[in-house]
C-alpha cells in the first residue's frame, strides 16, 4: 500500500450481523421503542467512526480475536445486513491483514475489514444490552 500516511482507503462492504446477535438487538429495540433496523443503522454510524479512528496494530489488537471468531462463525451462515461505504487508514488495514495471517493481502479487503467492523458492532451491541 503506497497511500500517504493518514489517508483513508474507501471500501464498500456488507454490514453483516450474525443471527446470534438478533436477540440482543431485539431487547435493545424493544427497550428503546424503535425497530431493529433503526438500531442497526445507529450502530453502523457509530462503528464507522470507530473504524476510521483505528490507526494500527495497537488499535486493532483488542478486536482481533472477536473478528477472527466472527469470520469463522459466519461461514455458511445466513446473515442479514446492508452494503455500506466505510473508510479505514492504510496502516490499520495492513495490521488487519497481518492479524488475519494474510501478510500478502490476498484476502479481499472488504472481507478483512468487514470482520473488524462486525466485531466493533458486536461490542456496541453488548454494551447497549448491558446499559
N, C-alpha and C. Protein backbone atom coordinates (compact mmCIF):
# COMPACT_ATOMS: atom_id res chain seq x y z
N UNK A 1 0.84 -1.17 0.00
CA UNK A 1 0.00 0.00 0.00
C UNK A 1 0.89 1.23 0.00
N UNK A 2 0.71 2.03 -1.01
CA UNK A 2 1.53 3.21 -1.16
C UNK A 2 0.80 4.49 -0.75
N UNK A 3 -0.35 4.35 -0.16
CA UNK A 3 -1.13 5.53 0.22
C UNK A 3 -0.38 6.34 1.26
N UNK A 4 -0.59 7.63 1.21
CA UNK A 4 0.05 8.52 2.18
C UNK A 4 -0.46 8.21 3.58
N UNK A 5 0.44 8.34 4.53
CA UNK A 5 0.06 8.08 5.93
C UNK A 5 -1.06 9.04 6.32
N UNK A 6 -2.10 8.51 6.92
CA UNK A 6 -3.22 9.33 7.33
C UNK A 6 -4.35 9.35 6.31
N UNK A 7 -4.05 9.04 5.04
CA UNK A 7 -5.11 8.96 4.03
C UNK A 7 -5.97 7.74 4.34
N UNK A 8 -7.18 7.75 3.87
CA UNK A 8 -8.10 6.65 4.15
C UNK A 8 -8.37 5.84 2.89
N UNK A 9 -8.56 4.55 3.06
CA UNK A 9 -8.94 3.66 1.99
C UNK A 9 -10.46 3.53 2.03
N UNK A 10 -11.10 3.73 0.89
CA UNK A 10 -12.56 3.65 0.80
C UNK A 10 -12.94 2.24 0.36
N UNK A 11 -13.85 1.62 1.11
CA UNK A 11 -14.32 0.27 0.80
C UNK A 11 -15.84 0.21 0.89
N UNK A 12 -16.42 -0.64 0.08
CA UNK A 12 -17.84 -0.95 0.23
C UNK A 12 -17.89 -2.37 0.75
N UNK A 13 -18.54 -2.54 1.89
CA UNK A 13 -18.65 -3.88 2.46
C UNK A 13 -20.09 -4.15 2.85
N UNK A 14 -20.37 -5.40 3.06
CA UNK A 14 -21.70 -5.79 3.50
C UNK A 14 -21.70 -5.77 5.02
N UNK A 15 -22.49 -4.89 5.56
CA UNK A 15 -22.63 -4.77 7.01
C UNK A 15 -23.42 -5.99 7.46
N UNK A 16 -22.71 -6.97 7.99
CA UNK A 16 -23.33 -8.25 8.34
C UNK A 16 -23.33 -8.43 9.84
N UNK A 17 -24.46 -8.87 10.33
CA UNK A 17 -24.57 -9.15 11.76
C UNK A 17 -25.02 -10.60 11.90
N UNK A 18 -24.28 -11.41 12.65
CA UNK A 18 -24.67 -12.82 12.81
C UNK A 18 -26.03 -12.94 13.51
N UNK A 19 -26.79 -13.96 13.15
CA UNK A 19 -28.10 -14.17 13.77
C UNK A 19 -28.04 -14.33 15.29
N UNK A 20 -26.89 -14.73 15.83
CA UNK A 20 -26.77 -14.89 17.28
C UNK A 20 -26.93 -13.57 18.03
N UNK A 21 -26.76 -12.44 17.31
CA UNK A 21 -26.91 -11.14 17.95
C UNK A 21 -28.33 -10.60 17.85
N UNK A 22 -29.20 -11.27 17.10
CA UNK A 22 -30.58 -10.81 16.94
C UNK A 22 -31.33 -10.70 18.26
N UNK A 23 -31.24 -11.65 19.19
CA UNK A 23 -31.97 -11.48 20.45
C UNK A 23 -31.55 -10.24 21.22
N UNK A 24 -30.26 -9.94 21.23
CA UNK A 24 -29.79 -8.74 21.91
C UNK A 24 -30.31 -7.48 21.21
N UNK A 25 -30.31 -7.50 19.88
CA UNK A 25 -30.84 -6.36 19.13
C UNK A 25 -32.32 -6.16 19.42
N UNK A 26 -33.06 -7.27 19.52
CA UNK A 26 -34.48 -7.18 19.82
C UNK A 26 -34.73 -6.57 21.19
N UNK A 27 -33.91 -6.93 22.17
CA UNK A 27 -34.06 -6.37 23.52
C UNK A 27 -33.79 -4.87 23.48
N UNK A 28 -32.72 -4.46 22.80
CA UNK A 28 -32.37 -3.04 22.71
C UNK A 28 -33.48 -2.27 22.01
N UNK A 29 -33.95 -2.80 20.88
CA UNK A 29 -35.01 -2.14 20.12
C UNK A 29 -36.28 -2.02 20.95
N UNK A 30 -36.65 -3.07 21.66
CA UNK A 30 -37.84 -3.04 22.49
C UNK A 30 -37.72 -2.05 23.63
N UNK A 31 -36.56 -2.04 24.25
CA UNK A 31 -36.33 -1.12 25.37
C UNK A 31 -36.38 0.34 24.91
N UNK A 32 -35.81 0.60 23.72
CA UNK A 32 -35.75 1.98 23.22
C UNK A 32 -37.00 2.37 22.42
N UNK A 33 -37.87 1.40 22.13
CA UNK A 33 -39.09 1.69 21.39
C UNK A 33 -38.86 2.02 19.92
N UNK A 34 -37.85 1.38 19.31
CA UNK A 34 -37.54 1.59 17.90
C UNK A 34 -37.41 0.24 17.21
N UNK A 35 -37.25 0.25 15.89
CA UNK A 35 -37.09 -1.00 15.16
C UNK A 35 -35.65 -1.49 15.22
N UNK A 36 -35.46 -2.76 14.92
CA UNK A 36 -34.10 -3.31 14.87
C UNK A 36 -33.30 -2.64 13.75
N UNK A 37 -33.96 -2.31 12.64
CA UNK A 37 -33.27 -1.64 11.53
C UNK A 37 -32.73 -0.29 11.98
N UNK A 38 -33.51 0.41 12.79
CA UNK A 38 -33.06 1.71 13.30
C UNK A 38 -31.83 1.54 14.18
N UNK A 39 -31.88 0.56 15.06
CA UNK A 39 -30.74 0.28 15.94
C UNK A 39 -29.50 -0.08 15.11
N UNK A 40 -29.68 -0.94 14.09
CA UNK A 40 -28.55 -1.33 13.24
C UNK A 40 -27.95 -0.11 12.54
N UNK A 41 -28.79 0.78 12.05
CA UNK A 41 -28.29 1.98 11.40
C UNK A 41 -27.50 2.86 12.34
N UNK A 42 -28.02 3.03 13.55
CA UNK A 42 -27.33 3.85 14.54
C UNK A 42 -25.99 3.22 14.93
N UNK A 43 -25.99 1.92 15.12
CA UNK A 43 -24.74 1.23 15.47
C UNK A 43 -23.74 1.29 14.32
N UNK A 44 -24.22 1.21 13.09
CA UNK A 44 -23.33 1.29 11.93
C UNK A 44 -22.64 2.64 11.87
N UNK A 45 -23.38 3.71 12.11
CA UNK A 45 -22.77 5.04 12.10
C UNK A 45 -21.70 5.16 13.18
N UNK A 46 -22.00 4.64 14.36
CA UNK A 46 -21.05 4.69 15.46
C UNK A 46 -19.82 3.83 15.15
N UNK A 47 -20.04 2.66 14.57
CA UNK A 47 -18.93 1.75 14.23
C UNK A 47 -18.05 2.34 13.14
N UNK A 48 -18.65 3.05 12.18
CA UNK A 48 -17.84 3.67 11.13
C UNK A 48 -16.87 4.70 11.71
N UNK A 49 -17.34 5.46 12.69
CA UNK A 49 -16.45 6.43 13.35
C UNK A 49 -15.28 5.72 14.02
N UNK A 50 -15.59 4.63 14.71
CA UNK A 50 -14.55 3.85 15.38
C UNK A 50 -13.57 3.28 14.37
N UNK A 51 -14.09 2.74 13.27
CA UNK A 51 -13.24 2.14 12.24
C UNK A 51 -12.31 3.18 11.63
N UNK A 52 -12.82 4.37 11.35
CA UNK A 52 -11.99 5.45 10.78
C UNK A 52 -10.86 5.85 11.73
N UNK A 53 -11.10 5.73 13.03
CA UNK A 53 -10.11 6.16 14.02
C UNK A 53 -9.01 5.13 14.25
N UNK A 54 -9.21 3.88 13.84
CA UNK A 54 -8.18 2.85 14.04
C UNK A 54 -6.94 3.25 13.25
N UNK A 55 -5.78 3.21 13.91
CA UNK A 55 -4.58 3.69 13.22
C UNK A 55 -3.45 2.66 13.13
N UNK A 56 -3.66 1.48 13.63
CA UNK A 56 -2.59 0.48 13.51
C UNK A 56 -2.81 -0.70 14.41
N UNK A 57 -1.74 -1.44 14.57
CA UNK A 57 -1.77 -2.71 15.29
C UNK A 57 -2.28 -2.58 16.73
N UNK A 58 -1.86 -1.55 17.43
CA UNK A 58 -2.28 -1.38 18.82
C UNK A 58 -3.80 -1.18 18.92
N UNK A 59 -4.36 -0.48 17.95
CA UNK A 59 -5.80 -0.21 17.97
C UNK A 59 -6.64 -1.44 17.63
N UNK A 60 -6.13 -2.30 16.78
CA UNK A 60 -6.94 -3.46 16.37
C UNK A 60 -6.74 -4.67 17.27
N UNK A 61 -5.71 -4.65 18.08
CA UNK A 61 -5.37 -5.81 18.92
C UNK A 61 -6.58 -6.31 19.72
N UNK A 62 -7.33 -5.42 20.35
CA UNK A 62 -8.46 -5.82 21.16
C UNK A 62 -9.64 -6.37 20.37
N UNK A 63 -9.64 -6.14 19.07
CA UNK A 63 -10.74 -6.60 18.21
C UNK A 63 -10.40 -7.86 17.43
N UNK A 64 -9.12 -8.22 17.39
CA UNK A 64 -8.66 -9.29 16.51
C UNK A 64 -9.30 -10.64 16.83
N UNK A 65 -9.36 -11.01 18.09
CA UNK A 65 -9.93 -12.31 18.45
C UNK A 65 -11.42 -12.37 18.08
N UNK A 66 -12.14 -11.30 18.37
CA UNK A 66 -13.56 -11.26 18.04
C UNK A 66 -13.77 -11.28 16.53
N UNK A 67 -12.94 -10.55 15.79
CA UNK A 67 -13.06 -10.53 14.33
C UNK A 67 -12.82 -11.91 13.73
N UNK A 68 -11.79 -12.60 14.21
CA UNK A 68 -11.50 -13.95 13.71
C UNK A 68 -12.62 -14.91 14.07
N UNK A 69 -13.12 -14.80 15.27
CA UNK A 69 -14.21 -15.67 15.72
C UNK A 69 -15.47 -15.43 14.88
N UNK A 70 -15.79 -14.18 14.63
CA UNK A 70 -16.97 -13.87 13.83
C UNK A 70 -16.82 -14.34 12.40
N UNK A 71 -15.61 -14.21 11.84
CA UNK A 71 -15.40 -14.69 10.47
C UNK A 71 -15.60 -16.19 10.39
N UNK A 72 -15.09 -16.92 11.39
CA UNK A 72 -15.25 -18.38 11.38
C UNK A 72 -16.70 -18.78 11.61
N UNK A 73 -17.37 -18.09 12.53
CA UNK A 73 -18.74 -18.49 12.88
C UNK A 73 -19.76 -18.11 11.83
N UNK A 74 -19.42 -17.21 10.91
CA UNK A 74 -20.39 -16.79 9.91
C UNK A 74 -20.20 -17.49 8.57
N UNK A 75 -19.20 -18.35 8.46
CA UNK A 75 -19.02 -19.09 7.21
C UNK A 75 -20.19 -20.04 7.01
N UNK A 76 -20.88 -19.87 5.89
CA UNK A 76 -22.01 -20.73 5.57
C UNK A 76 -23.28 -20.43 6.33
N UNK A 77 -23.30 -19.36 7.12
CA UNK A 77 -24.47 -19.00 7.91
C UNK A 77 -25.15 -17.82 7.23
N UNK A 78 -26.47 -17.87 7.18
CA UNK A 78 -27.21 -16.76 6.60
C UNK A 78 -27.09 -15.54 7.51
N UNK A 79 -26.72 -14.43 6.91
CA UNK A 79 -26.51 -13.20 7.66
C UNK A 79 -27.46 -12.14 7.13
N UNK A 80 -27.71 -11.14 7.94
CA UNK A 80 -28.51 -10.03 7.45
C UNK A 80 -27.69 -8.76 7.56
N UNK A 81 -27.94 -7.84 6.67
CA UNK A 81 -27.20 -6.59 6.69
C UNK A 81 -27.39 -5.82 5.42
N UNK A 82 -26.68 -4.72 5.29
CA UNK A 82 -26.78 -3.84 4.14
C UNK A 82 -25.39 -3.45 3.67
N UNK A 83 -25.25 -3.17 2.35
CA UNK A 83 -23.97 -2.67 1.88
C UNK A 83 -23.75 -1.25 2.40
N UNK A 84 -22.53 -0.92 2.71
CA UNK A 84 -22.22 0.43 3.17
C UNK A 84 -20.79 0.78 2.83
N UNK A 85 -20.54 2.07 2.72
CA UNK A 85 -19.21 2.58 2.44
C UNK A 85 -18.53 2.90 3.76
N UNK A 86 -17.31 2.44 3.91
CA UNK A 86 -16.52 2.72 5.12
C UNK A 86 -15.14 3.20 4.68
N UNK A 87 -14.46 3.83 5.61
CA UNK A 87 -13.10 4.30 5.37
C UNK A 87 -12.21 3.74 6.48
N UNK A 88 -11.02 3.33 6.08
CA UNK A 88 -10.06 2.79 7.04
C UNK A 88 -8.66 3.30 6.66
N UNK A 89 -7.86 3.55 7.65
CA UNK A 89 -6.49 4.01 7.39
C UNK A 89 -5.67 2.85 6.81
N UNK A 90 -4.79 3.15 5.86
CA UNK A 90 -3.98 2.09 5.24
C UNK A 90 -3.18 1.28 6.26
N UNK A 91 -2.62 1.95 7.28
CA UNK A 91 -1.82 1.23 8.26
C UNK A 91 -2.69 0.30 9.11
N UNK A 92 -3.93 0.69 9.36
CA UNK A 92 -4.85 -0.20 10.10
C UNK A 92 -5.25 -1.38 9.22
N UNK A 93 -5.46 -1.12 7.93
CA UNK A 93 -5.80 -2.21 7.00
C UNK A 93 -4.66 -3.22 6.92
N UNK A 94 -3.44 -2.74 6.85
CA UNK A 94 -2.29 -3.66 6.82
C UNK A 94 -2.21 -4.47 8.10
N UNK A 95 -2.45 -3.83 9.24
CA UNK A 95 -2.42 -4.54 10.52
C UNK A 95 -3.52 -5.60 10.57
N UNK A 96 -4.68 -5.30 10.02
CA UNK A 96 -5.77 -6.27 9.98
C UNK A 96 -5.39 -7.49 9.14
N UNK A 97 -4.77 -7.24 8.00
CA UNK A 97 -4.32 -8.36 7.15
C UNK A 97 -3.27 -9.21 7.88
N UNK A 98 -2.34 -8.56 8.54
CA UNK A 98 -1.32 -9.32 9.28
C UNK A 98 -1.97 -10.14 10.40
N UNK A 99 -2.91 -9.54 11.11
CA UNK A 99 -3.58 -10.26 12.20
C UNK A 99 -4.41 -11.42 11.68
N UNK A 100 -4.88 -11.32 10.44
CA UNK A 100 -5.65 -12.40 9.83
C UNK A 100 -4.73 -13.43 9.17
N UNK A 101 -3.44 -13.37 9.46
CA UNK A 101 -2.43 -14.28 8.88
C UNK A 101 -2.44 -14.17 7.36
N UNK A 102 -2.59 -12.95 6.87
CA UNK A 102 -2.63 -12.67 5.43
C UNK A 102 -1.65 -11.55 5.10
N UNK A 103 -0.34 -11.78 5.34
CA UNK A 103 0.63 -10.70 5.13
C UNK A 103 0.76 -10.27 3.66
N UNK A 104 0.35 -11.13 2.74
CA UNK A 104 0.42 -10.78 1.31
C UNK A 104 -0.83 -10.03 0.86
N UNK A 105 -1.76 -9.83 1.78
CA UNK A 105 -3.00 -9.10 1.48
C UNK A 105 -3.77 -9.73 0.32
N UNK A 106 -3.86 -11.06 0.35
CA UNK A 106 -4.56 -11.76 -0.72
C UNK A 106 -6.06 -11.89 -0.46
N UNK A 107 -6.49 -11.81 0.80
CA UNK A 107 -7.92 -11.82 1.10
C UNK A 107 -8.54 -10.50 0.64
N UNK A 108 -9.80 -10.54 0.21
CA UNK A 108 -10.44 -9.28 -0.17
C UNK A 108 -10.46 -8.30 1.01
N UNK A 109 -10.13 -7.06 0.74
CA UNK A 109 -10.08 -6.06 1.80
C UNK A 109 -11.42 -5.93 2.52
N UNK A 110 -12.51 -5.99 1.75
CA UNK A 110 -13.84 -5.84 2.37
C UNK A 110 -14.12 -6.99 3.33
N UNK A 111 -13.59 -8.16 3.06
CA UNK A 111 -13.79 -9.31 3.95
C UNK A 111 -13.04 -9.09 5.27
N UNK A 112 -11.81 -8.66 5.16
CA UNK A 112 -10.98 -8.45 6.36
C UNK A 112 -11.55 -7.30 7.19
N UNK A 113 -11.83 -6.17 6.56
CA UNK A 113 -12.36 -5.01 7.28
C UNK A 113 -13.76 -5.31 7.80
N UNK A 114 -14.55 -6.05 7.02
CA UNK A 114 -15.90 -6.41 7.46
C UNK A 114 -15.91 -7.20 8.75
N UNK A 115 -14.93 -8.06 8.93
CA UNK A 115 -14.85 -8.83 10.18
C UNK A 115 -14.57 -7.91 11.37
N UNK A 116 -13.68 -6.95 11.18
CA UNK A 116 -13.39 -5.99 12.26
C UNK A 116 -14.57 -5.07 12.51
N UNK A 117 -15.22 -4.64 11.44
CA UNK A 117 -16.40 -3.79 11.57
C UNK A 117 -17.48 -4.52 12.37
N UNK A 118 -17.71 -5.79 12.05
CA UNK A 118 -18.69 -6.59 12.77
C UNK A 118 -18.30 -6.76 14.24
N UNK A 119 -17.00 -6.92 14.49
CA UNK A 119 -16.54 -7.03 15.88
C UNK A 119 -16.82 -5.75 16.65
N UNK A 120 -16.66 -4.61 15.99
CA UNK A 120 -16.97 -3.33 16.63
C UNK A 120 -18.46 -3.25 16.93
N UNK A 121 -19.28 -3.62 15.96
CA UNK A 121 -20.74 -3.58 16.15
C UNK A 121 -21.16 -4.54 17.26
N UNK A 122 -20.59 -5.73 17.28
CA UNK A 122 -20.93 -6.70 18.33
C UNK A 122 -20.59 -6.15 19.71
N UNK A 123 -19.45 -5.48 19.81
CA UNK A 123 -19.06 -4.85 21.08
C UNK A 123 -20.07 -3.77 21.48
N UNK A 124 -20.51 -2.97 20.51
CA UNK A 124 -21.51 -1.93 20.78
C UNK A 124 -22.84 -2.53 21.21
N UNK A 125 -23.24 -3.63 20.58
CA UNK A 125 -24.50 -4.29 20.93
C UNK A 125 -24.43 -4.79 22.37
N UNK A 126 -23.33 -5.45 22.71
CA UNK A 126 -23.19 -5.96 24.07
C UNK A 126 -23.21 -4.83 25.11
N UNK A 127 -22.55 -3.72 24.79
CA UNK A 127 -22.51 -2.58 25.71
C UNK A 127 -23.92 -1.98 25.86
N UNK A 128 -24.67 -1.89 24.79
CA UNK A 128 -26.03 -1.34 24.87
C UNK A 128 -26.97 -2.31 25.56
N UNK A 129 -26.74 -3.59 25.37
CA UNK A 129 -27.60 -4.62 26.00
C UNK A 129 -27.48 -4.52 27.52
N UNK A 130 -26.25 -4.36 27.97
CA UNK A 130 -25.99 -4.26 29.41
C UNK A 130 -26.49 -2.93 29.95
N UNK A 131 -26.25 -1.85 29.18
CA UNK A 131 -26.56 -0.50 29.65
C UNK A 131 -27.93 -0.10 29.50
